PDB file of N, CA and C in Angstrom:
ATOM      1  N   MET A   1       4.339 -21.003   3.381  1.00  0.00           N
ATOM      2  CA  MET A   1       4.925 -20.183   2.336  1.00  0.00           C
ATOM      3  C   MET A   1       4.471 -20.715   0.987  1.00  0.00           C
ATOM      4  N   ALA A   2       4.226 -19.823   0.058  1.00  0.00           N
ATOM      5  CA  ALA A   2       3.764 -20.221  -1.267  1.00  0.00           C
ATOM      6  C   ALA A   2       4.884 -20.941  -2.016  1.00  0.00           C
ATOM      7  N   GLU A   3       4.488 -21.730  -2.971  1.00  0.00           N
ATOM      8  CA  GLU A   3       5.447 -22.460  -3.810  1.00  0.00           C
ATOM      9  C   GLU A   3       6.228 -21.452  -4.647  1.00  0.00           C
ATOM     10  N   LEU A   4       7.539 -21.506  -4.553  1.00  0.00           N
ATOM     11  CA  LEU A   4       8.411 -20.579  -5.279  1.00  0.00           C
ATOM     12  C   LEU A   4       8.788 -21.157  -6.632  1.00  0.00           C
ATOM     13  N   PRO A   5       8.925 -20.299  -7.639  1.00  0.00           N
ATOM     14  CA  PRO A   5       9.426 -20.761  -8.936  1.00  0.00           C
ATOM     15  C   PRO A   5      10.868 -21.261  -8.787  1.00  0.00           C
ATOM     16  N   PRO A   6      11.294 -22.182  -9.647  1.00  0.00           N
ATOM     17  CA  PRO A   6      12.648 -22.741  -9.530  1.00  0.00           C
ATOM     18  C   PRO A   6      13.755 -21.695  -9.574  1.00  0.00           C
ATOM     19  N   GLN A   7      13.598 -20.649 -10.371  1.00  0.00           N
ATOM     20  CA  GLN A   7      14.653 -19.650 -10.457  1.00  0.00           C
ATOM     21  C   GLN A   7      14.803 -18.878  -9.148  1.00  0.00           C
ATOM     22  N   GLU A   8      13.740 -18.785  -8.345  1.00  0.00           N
ATOM     23  CA  GLU A   8      13.838 -18.097  -7.063  1.00  0.00           C
ATOM     24  C   GLU A   8      14.431 -18.998  -5.983  1.00  0.00           C
ATOM     25  N   LEU A   9      14.289 -20.304  -6.132  1.00  0.00           N
ATOM     26  CA  LEU A   9      14.857 -21.219  -5.142  1.00  0.00           C
ATOM     27  C   LEU A   9      16.387 -21.158  -5.135  1.00  0.00           C
ATOM     28  N   ALA A  10      16.979 -20.766  -6.256  1.00  0.00           N
ATOM     29  CA  ALA A  10      18.431 -20.685  -6.358  1.00  0.00           C
ATOM     30  C   ALA A  10      18.984 -19.415  -5.702  1.00  0.00           C
ATOM     31  N   LEU A  11      18.117 -18.473  -5.357  1.00  0.00           N
ATOM     32  CA  LEU A  11      18.570 -17.223  -4.754  1.00  0.00           C
ATOM     33  C   LEU A  11      18.890 -17.408  -3.276  1.00  0.00           C
ATOM     34  N   PRO A  12      19.748 -16.552  -2.729  1.00  0.00           N
ATOM     35  CA  PRO A  12      20.019 -16.618  -1.285  1.00  0.00           C
ATOM     36  C   PRO A  12      18.747 -16.326  -0.485  1.00  0.00           C
ATOM     37  N   ALA A  13      18.710 -16.820   0.743  1.00  0.00           N
ATOM     38  CA  ALA A  13      17.518 -16.677   1.586  1.00  0.00           C
ATOM     39  C   ALA A  13      17.166 -15.220   1.836  1.00  0.00           C
ATOM     40  N   TRP A  14      18.166 -14.374   2.058  1.00  0.00           N
ATOM     41  CA  TRP A  14      17.868 -12.959   2.322  1.00  0.00           C
ATOM     42  C   TRP A  14      17.245 -12.285   1.109  1.00  0.00           C
ATOM     43  N   TRP A  15      17.657 -12.700  -0.081  1.00  0.00           N
ATOM     44  CA  TRP A  15      17.105 -12.122  -1.310  1.00  0.00           C
ATOM     45  C   TRP A  15      15.655 -12.592  -1.504  1.00  0.00           C
ATOM     46  N   ARG A  16      15.404 -13.883  -1.241  1.00  0.00           N
ATOM     47  CA  ARG A  16      14.031 -14.402  -1.341  1.00  0.00           C
ATOM     48  C   ARG A  16      13.117 -13.683  -0.357  1.00  0.00           C
ATOM     49  N   GLN A  17      13.616 -13.419   0.844  1.00  0.00           N
ATOM     50  CA  GLN A  17      12.821 -12.716   1.842  1.00  0.00           C
ATOM     51  C   GLN A  17      12.517 -11.293   1.378  1.00  0.00           C
ATOM     52  N   MET A  18      13.495 -10.649   0.759  1.00  0.00           N
ATOM     53  CA  MET A  18      13.290  -9.298   0.252  1.00  0.00           C
ATOM     54  C   MET A  18      12.250  -9.291  -0.868  1.00  0.00           C
ATOM     55  N   ILE A  19      12.316 -10.278  -1.744  1.00  0.00           N
ATOM     56  CA  ILE A  19      11.347 -10.376  -2.837  1.00  0.00           C
ATOM     57  C   ILE A  19       9.947 -10.629  -2.291  1.00  0.00           C
ATOM     58  N   SER A  20       9.829 -11.523  -1.313  1.00  0.00           N
ATOM     59  CA  SER A  20       8.498 -11.811  -0.759  1.00  0.00           C
ATOM     60  C   SER A  20       7.949 -10.596  -0.018  1.00  0.00           C
ATOM     61  N   SER A  21       8.808  -9.842   0.680  1.00  0.00           N
ATOM     62  CA  SER A  21       8.357  -8.616   1.352  1.00  0.00           C
ATOM     63  C   SER A  21       7.858  -7.604   0.335  1.00  0.00           C
ATOM     64  N   HIS A  22       8.603  -7.479  -0.749  1.00  0.00           N
ATOM     65  CA  HIS A  22       8.208  -6.544  -1.800  1.00  0.00           C
ATOM     66  C   HIS A  22       6.853  -6.936  -2.395  1.00  0.00           C
ATOM     67  N   ARG A  23       6.672  -8.216  -2.674  1.00  0.00           N
ATOM     68  CA  ARG A  23       5.395  -8.667  -3.241  1.00  0.00           C
ATOM     69  C   ARG A  23       4.245  -8.463  -2.260  1.00  0.00           C
ATOM     70  N   ARG A  24       4.482  -8.752  -0.976  1.00  0.00           N
ATOM     71  CA  ARG A  24       3.446  -8.580   0.039  1.00  0.00           C
ATOM     72  C   ARG A  24       3.026  -7.112   0.124  1.00  0.00           C
ATOM     73  N   GLU A  25       3.984  -6.209   0.154  1.00  0.00           N
ATOM     74  CA  GLU A  25       3.668  -4.786   0.243  1.00  0.00           C
ATOM     75  C   GLU A  25       2.998  -4.285  -1.030  1.00  0.00           C
ATOM     76  N   ALA A  26       3.406  -4.797  -2.176  1.00  0.00           N
ATOM     77  CA  ALA A  26       2.764  -4.404  -3.438  1.00  0.00           C
ATOM     78  C   ALA A  26       1.303  -4.842  -3.454  1.00  0.00           C
ATOM     79  N   ARG A  27       1.041  -6.060  -2.960  1.00  0.00           N
ATOM     80  CA  ARG A  27      -0.358  -6.517  -2.879  1.00  0.00           C
ATOM     81  C   ARG A  27      -1.156  -5.657  -1.920  1.00  0.00           C
ATOM     82  N   ARG A  28      -0.551  -5.265  -0.808  1.00  0.00           N
ATOM     83  CA  ARG A  28      -1.236  -4.431   0.173  1.00  0.00           C
ATOM     84  C   ARG A  28      -1.579  -3.063  -0.415  1.00  0.00           C
ATOM     85  N   ILE A  29      -0.618  -2.449  -1.094  1.00  0.00           N
ATOM     86  CA  ILE A  29      -0.853  -1.138  -1.698  1.00  0.00           C
ATOM     87  C   ILE A  29      -1.939  -1.230  -2.761  1.00  0.00           C
ATOM     88  N   LEU A  30      -1.877  -2.255  -3.587  1.00  0.00           N
ATOM     89  CA  LEU A  30      -2.888  -2.428  -4.628  1.00  0.00           C
ATOM     90  C   LEU A  30      -4.274  -2.621  -4.025  1.00  0.00           C
ATOM     91  N   ALA A  31      -4.370  -3.404  -2.966  1.00  0.00           N
ATOM     92  CA  ALA A  31      -5.672  -3.623  -2.309  1.00  0.00           C
ATOM     93  C   ALA A  31      -6.216  -2.312  -1.740  1.00  0.00           C
ATOM     94  N   GLU A  32      -5.351  -1.512  -1.140  1.00  0.00           N
ATOM     95  CA  GLU A  32      -5.792  -0.226  -0.594  1.00  0.00           C
ATOM     96  C   GLU A  32      -6.233   0.721  -1.697  1.00  0.00           C
ATOM     97  N   LEU A  33      -5.480   0.748  -2.793  1.00  0.00           N
ATOM     98  CA  LEU A  33      -5.869   1.623  -3.905  1.00  0.00           C
ATOM     99  C   LEU A  33      -7.184   1.172  -4.537  1.00  0.00           C
ATOM    100  N   MET A  34      -7.377  -0.125  -4.635  1.00  0.00           N
ATOM    101  CA  MET A  34      -8.635  -0.635  -5.197  1.00  0.00           C
ATOM    102  C   MET A  34      -9.817  -0.301  -4.277  1.00  0.00           C
ATOM    103  N   ALA A  35      -9.566  -0.261  -2.982  1.00  0.00           N
ATOM    104  CA  ALA A  35     -10.639   0.051  -2.033  1.00  0.00           C
ATOM    105  C   ALA A  35     -11.056   1.518  -2.110  1.00  0.00           C
ATOM    106  N   THR A  36     -10.200   2.386  -2.636  1.00  0.00           N
ATOM    107  CA  THR A  36     -10.531   3.812  -2.731  1.00  0.00           C
ATOM    108  C   THR A  36     -11.073   4.193  -4.108  1.00  0.00           C
ATOM    109  N   ARG A  37     -11.461   3.226  -4.891  1.00  0.00           N
ATOM    110  CA  ARG A  37     -11.945   3.521  -6.247  1.00  0.00           C
ATOM    111  C   ARG A  37     -13.208   4.375  -6.252  1.00  0.00           C
ATOM    112  N   GLY A  38     -14.027   4.293  -5.236  1.00  0.00           N
ATOM    113  CA  GLY A  38     -15.295   5.014  -5.232  1.00  0.00           C
ATOM    114  C   GLY A  38     -15.205   6.459  -4.798  1.00  0.00           C
ATOM    115  N   ILE A  39     -14.015   6.974  -4.593  1.00  0.00           N
ATOM    116  CA  ILE A  39     -13.895   8.340  -4.080  1.00  0.00           C
ATOM    117  C   ILE A  39     -14.196   9.395  -5.151  1.00  0.00           C
ATOM    118  N   MET A  40     -13.861   9.153  -6.378  1.00  0.00           N
ATOM    119  CA  MET A  40     -14.048  10.176  -7.419  1.00  0.00           C
ATOM    120  C   MET A  40     -15.516  10.543  -7.631  1.00  0.00           C
ATOM    121  N   PRO A  41     -16.439   9.582  -7.759  1.00  0.00           N
ATOM    122  CA  PRO A  41     -17.849   9.990  -7.895  1.00  0.00           C
ATOM    123  C   PRO A  41     -18.341  10.792  -6.687  1.00  0.00           C
ATOM    124  N   LEU A  42     -17.866  10.442  -5.506  1.00  0.00           N
ATOM    125  CA  LEU A  42     -18.267  11.197  -4.318  1.00  0.00           C
ATOM    126  C   LEU A  42     -17.723  12.621  -4.355  1.00  0.00           C
ATOM    127  N   LEU A  43     -16.473  12.777  -4.731  1.00  0.00           N
ATOM    128  CA  LEU A  43     -15.897  14.115  -4.806  1.00  0.00           C
ATOM    129  C   LEU A  43     -16.572  14.954  -5.883  1.00  0.00           C
ATOM    130  N   MET A  44     -16.914  14.348  -6.991  1.00  0.00           N
ATOM    131  CA  MET A  44     -17.542  15.078  -8.094  1.00  0.00           C
ATOM    132  C   MET A  44     -18.983  15.476  -7.768  1.00  0.00           C
ATOM    133  N   LYS A  45     -19.598  14.779  -6.837  1.00  0.00           N
ATOM    134  CA  LYS A  45     -20.956  15.119  -6.446  1.00  0.00           C
ATOM    135  C   LYS A  45     -21.012  16.548  -5.897  1.00  0.00           C
ATOM    136  N   ALA A  46     -20.063  16.913  -5.036  1.00  0.00           N
ATOM    137  CA  ALA A  46     -20.017  18.276  -4.502  1.00  0.00           C
ATOM    138  C   ALA A  46     -19.645  19.269  -5.598  1.00  0.00           C
ATOM    139  N   ARG A  47     -18.782  18.870  -6.486  1.00  0.00           N
ATOM    140  CA  ARG A  47     -18.361  19.736  -7.591  1.00  0.00           C
ATOM    141  C   ARG A  47     -19.528  20.045  -8.519  1.00  0.00           C
ATOM    142  N   ASN A  48     -20.440  19.098  -8.652  1.00  0.00           N
ATOM    143  CA  ASN A  48     -21.604  19.274  -9.534  1.00  0.00           C
ATOM    144  C   ASN A  48     -22.769  19.954  -8.841  1.00  0.00           C
ATOM    145  N   GLY A  49     -22.552  20.446  -7.630  1.00  0.00           N
ATOM    146  CA  GLY A  49     -23.586  21.217  -6.942  1.00  0.00           C
ATOM    147  C   GLY A  49     -24.518  20.392  -6.066  1.00  0.00           C
ATOM    148  N   GLU A  50     -24.289  19.113  -5.942  1.00  0.00           N
ATOM    149  CA  GLU A  50     -25.130  18.289  -5.077  1.00  0.00           C
ATOM    150  C   GLU A  50     -24.552  18.283  -3.667  1.00  0.00           C
ATOM    151  N   ARG A  51     -25.355  17.837  -2.713  1.00  0.00           N
ATOM    152  CA  ARG A  51     -24.891  17.774  -1.323  1.00  0.00           C
ATOM    153  C   ARG A  51     -24.609  16.329  -0.938  1.00  0.00           C
ATOM    154  N   TRP A  52     -23.634  16.171  -0.026  1.00  0.00           N
ATOM    155  CA  TRP A  52     -23.306  14.845   0.492  1.00  0.00           C
ATOM    156  C   TRP A  52     -24.249  14.498   1.641  1.00  0.00           C
ATOM    157  N   THR A  53     -24.649  13.245   1.702  1.00  0.00           N
ATOM    158  CA  THR A  53     -25.403  12.768   2.854  1.00  0.00           C
ATOM    159  C   THR A  53     -24.416  12.435   3.973  1.00  0.00           C
ATOM    160  N   LEU A  54     -24.926  12.157   5.160  1.00  0.00           N
ATOM    161  CA  LEU A  54     -24.047  11.783   6.275  1.00  0.00           C
ATOM    162  C   LEU A  54     -23.283  10.499   5.962  1.00  0.00           C
ATOM    163  N   ALA A  55     -23.944   9.547   5.320  1.00  0.00           N
ATOM    164  CA  ALA A  55     -23.273   8.287   4.961  1.00  0.00           C
ATOM    165  C   ALA A  55     -22.154   8.538   3.956  1.00  0.00           C
ATOM    166  N   GLU A  56     -22.398   9.443   3.012  1.00  0.00           N
ATOM    167  CA  GLU A  56     -21.362   9.757   2.024  1.00  0.00           C
ATOM    168  C   GLU A  56     -20.179  10.488   2.665  1.00  0.00           C
ATOM    169  N   LYS A  57     -20.462  11.360   3.635  1.00  0.00           N
ATOM    170  CA  LYS A  57     -19.374  12.041   4.344  1.00  0.00           C
ATOM    171  C   LYS A  57     -18.522  11.033   5.116  1.00  0.00           C
ATOM    172  N   ASP A  58     -19.183  10.071   5.743  1.00  0.00           N
ATOM    173  CA  ASP A  58     -18.441   9.027   6.457  1.00  0.00           C
ATOM    174  C   ASP A  58     -17.589   8.207   5.494  1.00  0.00           C
ATOM    175  N   GLU A  59     -18.156   7.903   4.325  1.00  0.00           N
ATOM    176  CA  GLU A  59     -17.406   7.149   3.320  1.00  0.00           C
ATOM    177  C   GLU A  59     -16.203   7.949   2.822  1.00  0.00           C
ATOM    178  N   LEU A  60     -16.373   9.249   2.626  1.00  0.00           N
ATOM    179  CA  LEU A  60     -15.257  10.106   2.215  1.00  0.00           C
ATOM    180  C   LEU A  60     -14.150  10.109   3.271  1.00  0.00           C
ATOM    181  N   LEU A  61     -14.527  10.209   4.529  1.00  0.00           N
ATOM    182  CA  LEU A  61     -13.522  10.173   5.598  1.00  0.00           C
ATOM    183  C   LEU A  61     -12.776   8.847   5.612  1.00  0.00           C
ATOM    184  N   THR A  62     -13.491   7.766   5.382  1.00  0.00           N
ATOM    185  CA  THR A  62     -12.852   6.453   5.328  1.00  0.00           C
ATOM    186  C   THR A  62     -11.837   6.395   4.195  1.00  0.00           C
ATOM    187  N   HIS A  63     -12.231   6.887   3.029  1.00  0.00           N
ATOM    188  CA  HIS A  63     -11.312   6.905   1.881  1.00  0.00           C
ATOM    189  C   HIS A  63     -10.088   7.777   2.166  1.00  0.00           C
ATOM    190  N   LEU A  64     -10.299   8.935   2.749  1.00  0.00           N
ATOM    191  CA  LEU A  64      -9.184   9.842   3.030  1.00  0.00           C
ATOM    192  C   LEU A  64      -8.233   9.247   4.066  1.00  0.00           C
ATOM    193  N   ARG A  65      -8.757   8.548   5.044  1.00  0.00           N
ATOM    194  CA  ARG A  65      -7.892   7.883   6.023  1.00  0.00           C
ATOM    195  C   ARG A  65      -7.065   6.792   5.357  1.00  0.00           C
ATOM    196  N   ARG A  66      -7.699   6.041   4.454  1.00  0.00           N
ATOM    197  CA  ARG A  66      -6.958   4.999   3.720  1.00  0.00           C
ATOM    198  C   ARG A  66      -5.811   5.605   2.938  1.00  0.00           C
ATOM    199  N   MET A  67      -6.095   6.693   2.254  1.00  0.00           N
ATOM    200  CA  MET A  67      -5.060   7.328   1.448  1.00  0.00           C
ATOM    201  C   MET A  67      -3.969   7.944   2.319  1.00  0.00           C
ATOM    202  N   ALA A  68      -4.328   8.435   3.509  1.00  0.00           N
ATOM    203  CA  ALA A  68      -3.321   8.993   4.409  1.00  0.00           C
ATOM    204  C   ALA A  68      -2.354   7.911   4.871  1.00  0.00           C
ATOM    205  N   HIS A  69      -2.837   6.683   5.037  1.00  0.00           N
ATOM    206  CA  HIS A  69      -1.949   5.590   5.423  1.00  0.00           C
ATOM    207  C   HIS A  69      -1.034   5.173   4.270  1.00  0.00           C
ATOM    208  N   LEU A  70      -1.464   5.440   3.050  1.00  0.00           N
ATOM    209  CA  LEU A  70      -0.637   5.098   1.887  1.00  0.00           C
ATOM    210  C   LEU A  70       0.356   6.195   1.518  1.00  0.00           C
ATOM    211  N   SER A  71       0.175   7.391   2.023  1.00  0.00           N
ATOM    212  CA  SER A  71       1.023   8.506   1.586  1.00  0.00           C
ATOM    213  C   SER A  71       2.514   8.264   1.783  1.00  0.00           C
ATOM    214  N   PRO A  72       2.983   7.604   2.866  1.00  0.00           N
ATOM    215  CA  PRO A  72       4.430   7.350   2.934  1.00  0.00           C
ATOM    216  C   PRO A  72       4.924   6.480   1.775  1.00  0.00           C
ATOM    217  N   TYR A  73       4.114   5.507   1.356  1.00  0.00           N
ATOM    218  CA  TYR A  73       4.495   4.677   0.218  1.00  0.00           C
ATOM    219  C   TYR A  73       4.574   5.515  -1.050  1.00  0.00           C
ATOM    220  N   LEU A  74       3.570   6.335  -1.261  1.00  0.00           N
ATOM    221  CA  LEU A  74       3.531   7.110  -2.498  1.00  0.00           C
ATOM    222  C   LEU A  74       4.646   8.148  -2.539  1.00  0.00           C
ATOM    223  N   ILE A  75       4.963   8.743  -1.414  1.00  0.00           N
ATOM    224  CA  ILE A  75       6.073   9.697  -1.373  1.00  0.00           C
ATOM    225  C   ILE A  75       7.384   8.986  -1.685  1.00  0.00           C
ATOM    226  N   ALA A  76       7.553   7.805  -1.102  1.00  0.00           N
ATOM    227  CA  ALA A  76       8.789   7.053  -1.342  1.00  0.00           C
ATOM    228  C   ALA A  76       8.929   6.661  -2.801  1.00  0.00           C
ATOM    229  N   LEU A  77       7.828   6.421  -3.484  1.00  0.00           N
ATOM    230  CA  LEU A  77       7.899   6.048  -4.891  1.00  0.00           C
ATOM    231  C   LEU A  77       8.293   7.217  -5.783  1.00  0.00           C
ATOM    232  N   LEU A  78       8.062   8.437  -5.327  1.00  0.00           N
ATOM    233  CA  LEU A  78       8.391   9.612  -6.128  1.00  0.00           C
ATOM    234  C   LEU A  78       9.850  10.038  -6.006  1.00  0.00           C
ATOM    235  N   LEU A  79      10.533   9.584  -4.978  1.00  0.00           N
ATOM    236  CA  LEU A  79      11.926   9.977  -4.770  1.00  0.00           C
ATOM    237  C   LEU A  79      12.859   9.273  -5.755  1.00  0.00           C
ATOM    238  N   PRO A  80      13.931   9.931  -6.169  1.00  0.00           N
ATOM    239  CA  PRO A  80      14.899   9.277  -7.059  1.00  0.00           C
ATOM    240  C   PRO A  80      15.532   8.065  -6.372  1.00  0.00           C
ATOM    241  N   GLY A  81      15.637   6.981  -7.085  1.00  0.00           N
ATOM    242  CA  GLY A  81      16.228   5.767  -6.532  1.00  0.00           C
ATOM    243  C   GLY A  81      15.311   5.014  -5.590  1.00  0.00           C
ATOM    244  N   SER A  82      14.055   5.391  -5.542  1.00  0.00           N
ATOM    245  CA  SER A  82      13.140   4.798  -4.567  1.00  0.00           C
ATOM    246  C   SER A  82      12.860   3.322  -4.842  1.00  0.00           C
ATOM    247  N   VAL A  83      12.946   2.901  -6.070  1.00  0.00           N
ATOM    248  CA  VAL A  83      12.702   1.497  -6.381  1.00  0.00           C
ATOM    249  C   VAL A  83      13.722   0.616  -5.663  1.00  0.00           C
ATOM    250  N   LEU A  84      14.940   1.099  -5.553  1.00  0.00           N
ATOM    251  CA  LEU A  84      15.974   0.346  -4.857  1.00  0.00           C
ATOM    252  C   LEU A  84      15.756   0.362  -3.343  1.00  0.00           C
ATOM    253  N   LEU A  85      15.136   1.421  -2.835  1.00  0.00           N
ATOM    254  CA  LEU A  85      14.919   1.541  -1.398  1.00  0.00           C
ATOM    255  C   LEU A  85      13.594   0.927  -0.935  1.00  0.00           C
ATOM    256  N   LEU A  86      12.722   0.574  -1.844  1.00  0.00           N
ATOM    257  CA  LEU A  86      11.399   0.081  -1.473  1.00  0.00           C
ATOM    258  C   LEU A  86      11.437  -1.154  -0.576  1.00  0.00           C
ATOM    259  N   PRO A  87      12.264  -2.163  -0.842  1.00  0.00           N
ATOM    260  CA  PRO A  87      12.295  -3.309   0.087  1.00  0.00           C
ATOM    261  C   PRO A  87      12.742  -2.925   1.496  1.00  0.00           C
ATOM    262  N   ILE A  88      13.688  -1.997   1.602  1.00  0.00           N
ATOM    263  CA  ILE A  88      14.129  -1.535   2.920  1.00  0.00           C
ATOM    264  C   ILE A  88      13.004  -0.768   3.598  1.00  0.00           C
ATOM    265  N   TYR A  89      12.312   0.039   2.837  1.00  0.00           N
ATOM    266  CA  TYR A  89      11.190   0.807   3.363  1.00  0.00           C
ATOM    267  C   TYR A  89      10.066  -0.128   3.821  1.00  0.00           C
ATOM    268  N   ALA A  90       9.804  -1.162   3.062  1.00  0.00           N
ATOM    269  CA  ALA A  90       8.780  -2.138   3.448  1.00  0.00           C
ATOM    270  C   ALA A  90       9.161  -2.827   4.746  1.00  0.00           C
ATOM    271  N   TRP A  91      10.441  -3.163   4.900  1.00  0.00           N
ATOM    272  CA  TRP A  91      10.905  -3.782   6.145  1.00  0.00           C
ATOM    273  C   TRP A  91      10.712  -2.827   7.312  1.00  0.00           C
ATOM    274  N   TRP A  92      11.021  -1.565   7.096  1.00  0.00           N
ATOM    275  CA  TRP A  92      10.920  -0.570   8.150  1.00  0.00           C
ATOM    276  C   TRP A  92       9.465  -0.365   8.583  1.00  0.00           C
ATOM    277  N   LEU A  93       8.541  -0.422   7.630  1.00  0.00           N
ATOM    278  CA  LEU A  93       7.131  -0.211   7.942  1.00  0.00           C
ATOM    279  C   LEU A  93       6.427  -1.466   8.461  1.00  0.00           C
ATOM    280  N   ASP A  94       7.077  -2.599   8.390  1.00  0.00           N
ATOM    281  CA  ASP A  94       6.449  -3.854   8.792  1.00  0.00           C
ATOM    282  C   ASP A  94       6.215  -3.859  10.299  1.00  0.00           C
ATOM    283  N   ARG A  95       4.982  -3.648  10.695  1.00  0.00           N
ATOM    284  CA  ARG A  95       4.639  -3.589  12.112  1.00  0.00           C
ATOM    285  C   ARG A  95       4.754  -4.948  12.791  1.00  0.00           C
ATOM    286  N   ARG A  96       4.616  -6.001  12.038  1.00  0.00           N
ATOM    287  CA  ARG A  96       4.745  -7.335  12.612  1.00  0.00           C
ATOM    288  C   ARG A  96       6.176  -7.592  13.056  1.00  0.00           C
ATOM    289  N   ARG A  97       7.138  -6.956  12.404  1.00  0.00           N
ATOM    290  CA  ARG A  97       8.538  -7.082  12.772  1.00  0.00           C
ATOM    291  C   ARG A  97       8.745  -6.639  14.217  1.00  0.00           C
ATOM    292  N   LEU A  98       8.030  -5.589  14.629  1.00  0.00           N
ATOM    293  CA  LEU A  98       8.183  -5.088  15.990  1.00  0.00           C
ATOM    294  C   LEU A  98       7.664  -6.100  17.017  1.00  0.00           C
ATOM    295  N   ARG A  99       6.575  -6.776  16.682  1.00  0.00           N
ATOM    296  CA  ARG A  99       6.026  -7.797  17.594  1.00  0.00           C
ATOM    297  C   ARG A  99       6.914  -9.017  17.666  1.00  0.00           C
ATOM    298  N   ARG A 100       7.550  -9.366  16.563  1.00  0.00           N
ATOM    299  CA  ARG A 100       8.430 -10.547  16.525  1.00  0.00           C
ATOM    300  C   ARG A 100       9.753 -10.266  17.202  1.00  0.00           C
ATOM    301  N   GLY A 101      10.145  -9.005  17.211  1.00  0.00           N
ATOM    302  CA  GLY A 101      11.421  -8.645  17.801  1.00  0.00           C
ATOM    303  C   GLY A 101      12.588  -8.766  16.847  1.00  0.00           C
ATOM    304  N   ASP A 102      12.324  -8.814  15.525  1.00  0.00           N
ATOM    305  CA  ASP A 102      13.410  -8.895  14.531  1.00  0.00           C
ATOM    306  C   ASP A 102      14.168  -7.598  14.466  1.00  0.00           C
TER     307      ASP A 102
END
């Protein structure tokens, strides 16, 4: 586990776990969004009258699949009060929890 700041060490264990889950999921979402940065030039290529190559079509499918996996997160962020529900949602989506049996 990473070194926690002193103010977080004073928090209850369940709260620290919730904060770490939130940070882990935020890093995951950010990494996925950063990985889809190249989609706009590809989409604009067809808009500008050019054709996609097979490699570009495969890359577009990869980007769209990535975004489809993020859509539950993005929908949850748009709902009222979603910031309060995000740690619970992250716990629910944690696939490792199912393997651990928590």
